[in-house]
Amino acid sequence: MLSAYPAVFYFTRDFTYTVEFPDFEYAVVTVHRDYYKVLQEATRCLAERLYTLTICGEPYPPPTPLQKLYDSPCDESLGMRTHVVLVSVDVEKYAKTEYKKAVKKTVTIPRWMNDAAVARRLNFSRLLQRALLRELGVPNGEARKRRRERLKVWCGLGLDPREEPDQDV
């Protein structure tokens, strides 16, 4: 789902842009000299802030109407100009590309353990994920629920659920 929030861009005398999102309790701020890079950074900052609220189970704050924020002329006392830009991001898409990527890990185990696990045809990745979930205190029910939801989507597309990529437990 696409989320959009107004961002106030400040252009300072030292030729840098500072961006602030007024809708968050703790201001999300980024500084850069290149406008396009600061816009990318602002999008990343917004995505991370919204993703953090999502995983903490907190609601998103309502965006401030643009009518309340406006472009202001150069403020000589502060030495900066401001303008308002609507920054949008698809938080779920961002999370998939940045946080839900599978990461390859190399582990060392005794040979006898490897031989026994291979003989039982254990999936090392799945086993490690389950062990980490248990160690981190993440309930298995949530993982199973996510998998069931993914399978519904997978089957809804007419694909074989046995071929469904299993990136999490």
Protein backbone atom coordinates (compact mmCIF):
# COMPACT_ATOMS: atom_id res chain seq x y z
CA MET A 1 0.00 0.00 0.00
CA LEU A 2 1.31 3.41 -0.95
CA SER A 3 1.79 5.88 1.90
CA ALA A 4 2.46 9.57 1.34
CA TYR A 5 3.60 12.21 3.81
CA PRO A 6 4.57 15.84 3.34
CA ALA A 7 8.23 16.64 3.82
CA VAL A 8 9.62 20.10 4.42
CA PHE A 9 12.80 20.71 2.42
CA TYR A 10 15.12 23.40 3.71
CA PHE A 11 17.79 24.81 1.41
CA THR A 12 20.49 26.45 3.53
CA ARG A 13 23.19 29.05 2.89
CA ASP A 14 25.86 26.34 2.82
CA PHE A 15 24.05 24.79 -0.18
CA THR A 16 22.71 21.72 1.60
CA TYR A 17 19.19 20.36 1.76
CA THR A 18 17.69 19.25 5.03
CA VAL A 19 14.44 17.30 5.05
CA GLU A 20 12.04 17.00 7.94
CA PHE A 21 8.78 15.07 8.22
CA PRO A 22 6.51 17.09 10.55
CA ASP A 23 4.08 14.20 11.14
CA PHE A 24 6.42 12.15 13.32
CA GLU A 25 7.10 12.63 17.01
CA TYR A 26 10.81 12.28 16.38
CA ALA A 27 11.71 14.24 13.29
CA VAL A 28 13.09 12.18 10.43
CA VAL A 29 15.86 14.35 9.04
CA THR A 30 18.42 13.90 6.29
CA VAL A 31 21.06 16.29 4.92
CA HIS A 32 22.70 16.29 1.49
CA ARG A 33 23.98 18.69 -1.20
CA ASP A 34 22.33 16.94 -4.18
CA TYR A 35 18.55 17.44 -4.39
CA TYR A 36 17.87 14.07 -6.06
CA LYS A 37 19.97 12.20 -3.52
CA VAL A 38 18.27 13.95 -0.63
CA LEU A 39 14.89 13.03 -2.14
CA GLN A 40 15.97 9.36 -2.34
CA GLU A 41 17.27 9.54 1.21
CA ALA A 42 14.01 11.14 2.38
CA THR A 43 12.06 8.28 0.76
CA ARG A 44 14.31 5.74 2.49
CA CYS A 45 13.92 7.53 5.85
CA LEU A 46 10.13 7.59 5.49
CA ALA A 47 10.05 3.91 4.51
CA GLU A 48 12.18 2.91 7.50
CA ARG A 49 10.09 4.96 9.91
CA LEU A 50 6.82 3.49 8.64
CA TYR A 51 8.25 -0.04 8.59
CA THR A 52 9.36 0.37 12.20
CA LEU A 53 5.84 1.42 13.17
CA THR A 54 4.47 -1.59 11.27
CA ILE A 55 6.65 -4.17 13.00
CA CYS A 56 5.96 -2.55 16.39
CA GLY A 57 2.22 -2.79 15.72
CA GLU A 58 1.71 0.96 16.05
CA PRO A 59 -0.66 2.92 13.80
CA TYR A 60 0.66 5.39 11.26
CA PRO A 61 0.09 9.03 12.19
CA PRO A 62 -2.33 10.84 9.89
CA PRO A 63 -0.53 12.95 7.28
CA THR A 64 -0.76 16.68 7.73
CA PRO A 65 -2.94 18.24 5.01
CA LEU A 66 -0.83 20.12 2.49
CA GLN A 67 -2.97 23.23 3.05
CA LYS A 68 -1.39 23.56 6.51
CA LEU A 69 2.11 23.41 5.08
CA TYR A 70 3.11 25.87 2.44
CA ASP A 71 6.10 27.08 0.47
CA SER A 72 7.78 29.96 2.19
CA PRO A 73 9.99 32.62 0.67
CA CYS A 74 13.63 32.95 1.56
CA ASP A 75 13.93 33.68 5.26
CA GLU A 76 16.91 36.01 5.56
CA SER A 77 17.10 35.65 9.34
CA LEU A 78 17.59 31.88 9.08
CA GLY A 79 19.43 31.97 5.77
CA MET A 80 17.26 29.24 4.22
CA ARG A 81 14.37 28.67 1.84
CA THR A 82 11.76 26.01 2.39
CA HIS A 83 9.31 24.14 0.24
CA VAL A 84 6.97 21.21 0.81
CA VAL A 85 7.20 17.97 -1.16
CA LEU A 86 4.85 15.00 -0.89
CA VAL A 87 7.04 11.89 -0.42
CA SER A 88 5.42 8.54 -1.11
CA VAL A 89 6.59 4.99 -0.51
CA ASP A 90 5.18 1.46 -0.70
CA VAL A 91 6.29 0.19 2.71
CA GLU A 92 5.61 -3.50 1.98
CA LYS A 93 7.53 -3.36 -1.30
CA TYR A 94 10.39 -1.54 0.40
CA ALA A 95 10.47 -4.10 3.21
CA LYS A 96 10.63 -6.95 0.71
CA THR A 97 13.62 -5.43 -1.05
CA GLU A 98 15.47 -4.20 2.03
CA TYR A 99 14.51 -6.30 5.05
CA LYS A 100 12.99 -9.56 3.88
CA LYS A 101 15.86 -10.63 1.67
CA ALA A 102 17.31 -14.04 2.32
CA VAL A 103 20.87 -13.79 3.66
CA LYS A 104 23.39 -16.55 3.11
CA LYS A 105 25.20 -17.69 6.26
CA THR A 106 28.05 -20.14 6.55
CA VAL A 107 28.04 -22.35 9.64
CA THR A 108 30.50 -24.89 10.95
CA ILE A 109 29.22 -28.11 12.49
CA PRO A 110 30.90 -31.41 13.34
CA ARG A 111 31.10 -33.93 10.48
CA TRP A 112 29.05 -36.55 12.35
CA MET A 113 26.23 -34.00 12.82
CA ASN A 114 26.29 -33.09 9.13
CA ASP A 115 26.25 -36.77 8.09
CA ALA A 116 23.33 -37.54 10.39
CA ALA A 117 21.35 -34.50 9.19
CA VAL A 118 22.00 -35.31 5.51
CA ALA A 119 20.95 -38.93 6.11
CA ARG A 120 17.65 -37.67 7.54
CA ARG A 121 17.30 -35.23 4.63
CA LEU A 122 16.96 -32.24 6.96
CA ASN A 123 16.67 -28.77 5.44
CA PHE A 124 19.53 -26.84 7.09
CA SER A 125 18.10 -23.41 6.25
CA ARG A 126 14.67 -24.21 7.65
CA LEU A 127 16.17 -25.81 10.75
CA LEU A 128 18.39 -22.79 11.42
CA GLN A 129 15.46 -20.40 10.90
CA ARG A 130 13.28 -22.33 13.35
CA ALA A 131 16.07 -22.43 15.92
CA LEU A 132 16.68 -18.69 15.56
CA LEU A 133 12.96 -17.93 15.85
CA ARG A 134 12.78 -20.00 19.02
CA GLU A 135 15.93 -18.35 20.44
CA LEU A 136 14.62 -14.86 19.60
CA GLY A 137 11.25 -15.62 21.17
CA VAL A 138 9.24 -15.17 17.95
CA PRO A 139 6.13 -17.35 18.16
CA ASN A 140 5.97 -20.11 15.55
CA GLY A 141 2.24 -19.50 15.05
CA GLU A 142 2.95 -16.18 13.35
CA ALA A 143 5.40 -17.78 10.95
CA ARG A 144 2.92 -20.52 10.09
CA LYS A 145 0.18 -17.95 9.55
CA ARG A 146 2.41 -15.96 7.15
CA ARG A 147 3.22 -19.16 5.24
CA ARG A 148 -0.48 -20.08 4.97
CA GLU A 149 -1.27 -16.60 3.64
CA ARG A 150 1.56 -16.87 1.10
CA LEU A 151 0.30 -20.30 0.02
CA LYS A 152 -3.21 -18.91 -0.52
CA VAL A 153 -1.76 -16.25 -2.81
CA TRP A 154 0.51 -18.78 -4.52
CA CYS A 155 -2.37 -21.20 -5.12
CA GLY A 156 -4.65 -18.32 -6.17
CA LEU A 157 -2.22 -17.65 -9.00
CA GLY A 158 -2.65 -21.25 -10.17
CA LEU A 159 0.88 -22.26 -9.20
CA ASP A 160 1.95 -25.53 -7.61
CA PRO A 161 2.37 -24.97 -3.84
CA ARG A 162 5.16 -27.55 -3.74
CA GLU A 163 7.25 -25.15 -5.85
CA GLU A 164 6.52 -22.18 -3.60
CA PRO A 165 9.80 -20.49 -2.59
CA ASP A 166 10.29 -20.89 1.14
CA GLN A 167 12.31 -17.92 2.38
CA ASP A 168 10.94 -17.93 5.89
CA VAL A 169 9.48 -20.60 8.11
